[in-house]
C-alpha cells in the first residue's frame, strides 16, 4: 500500500488538491475564512513522504512478526 502511494503520489495529490480547492471555494463563498492550502508541489511531496512512511511501517511490522516466530 505504501509503495503504491509513493509510486502514484502525483495523481493522488493532484486529485486531493483539486477537491480541497473546490471545498475551499465553496466554504469561502459561504463566508468562512480558511488558510491558504498547500501548493501542488508541497502536496505531492507530502503524499510521497506519507507513502514512504507507510511502506517503512509495513516493513517494520513484517520484520517484527518474523522475529517473534
Protein backbone atom coordinates (compact mmCIF):
# COMPACT_ATOMS: atom_id res chain seq x y z
CA UNK A 1 0.00 0.00 0.00
CA UNK A 2 2.75 2.43 0.94
CA UNK A 3 4.78 1.72 -2.19
CA UNK A 4 1.69 2.16 -4.35
CA UNK A 5 1.03 5.53 -2.73
CA UNK A 6 4.66 6.53 -3.20
CA UNK A 7 4.57 5.43 -6.85
CA UNK A 8 1.30 7.21 -7.64
CA UNK A 9 1.71 10.21 -5.34
CA UNK A 10 1.33 12.78 -8.12
CA UNK A 11 -2.17 11.80 -9.34
CA UNK A 12 -3.37 11.19 -5.77
CA UNK A 13 -2.04 14.56 -4.61
CA UNK A 14 -3.49 16.35 -7.63
CA UNK A 15 -6.91 14.79 -7.01
CA UNK A 16 -6.88 15.71 -3.31
CA UNK A 17 -5.67 19.23 -4.14
CA UNK A 18 -8.49 19.66 -6.67
CA UNK A 19 -11.06 18.52 -4.11
CA UNK A 20 -9.54 20.83 -1.48
CA UNK A 21 -9.73 23.82 -3.79
CA UNK A 22 -13.37 23.06 -4.61
CA UNK A 23 -14.25 22.75 -0.91
CA UNK A 24 -12.30 25.89 -0.01
CA UNK A 25 -14.06 27.88 -2.72
CA UNK A 26 -17.45 26.65 -1.51
CA UNK A 27 -16.60 27.48 2.11
CA UNK A 28 -15.26 30.94 1.24
CA UNK A 29 -18.44 31.76 -0.70
CA UNK A 30 -20.30 30.91 2.49
CA UNK A 31 -18.22 33.43 4.43
CA UNK A 32 -15.83 31.01 6.18
CA UNK A 33 -12.22 32.19 6.32
CA UNK A 34 -9.76 29.38 5.60
CA UNK A 35 -5.97 29.47 5.46
CA UNK A 36 -4.26 29.06 2.11
CA UNK A 37 -3.83 25.45 1.02
CA UNK A 38 -0.66 23.67 0.03
CA UNK A 39 0.94 24.24 -3.33
CA UNK A 40 0.83 21.42 -5.88
CA UNK A 41 4.49 20.58 -5.25
CA UNK A 42 4.04 20.67 -1.48
CA UNK A 43 1.02 18.39 -1.73
CA UNK A 44 2.93 15.93 -3.92
CA UNK A 45 5.86 15.89 -1.50
CA UNK A 46 3.51 15.31 1.42
CA UNK A 47 1.87 12.29 -0.22
CA UNK A 48 5.24 10.86 -1.32
CA UNK A 49 6.55 11.08 2.26
CA UNK A 50 3.33 9.58 3.57
CA UNK A 51 3.69 6.65 1.15
CA UNK A 52 7.28 6.02 2.18
CA UNK A 53 6.32 6.23 5.87
CA UNK A 54 3.54 3.66 5.38
CA UNK A 55 5.94 1.37 3.48
CA UNK A 56 8.53 1.60 6.27
CA UNK A 57 5.88 0.88 8.90
CA UNK A 58 4.76 -2.19 6.94
CA UNK A 59 8.34 -3.40 6.60
CA UNK A 60 8.90 -2.95 10.35
CA UNK A 61 5.68 -4.85 11.12
CA UNK A 62 6.74 -7.74 8.87
CA UNK A 63 10.23 -7.79 10.38
CA UNK A 64 8.91 -7.78 13.95
CA UNK A 65 6.42 -10.54 13.13
CA UNK A 66 9.32 -12.57 11.68
CA UNK A 67 11.36 -12.10 14.88
CA UNK A 68 8.52 -13.39 17.06
CA UNK A 69 8.13 -16.70 15.25
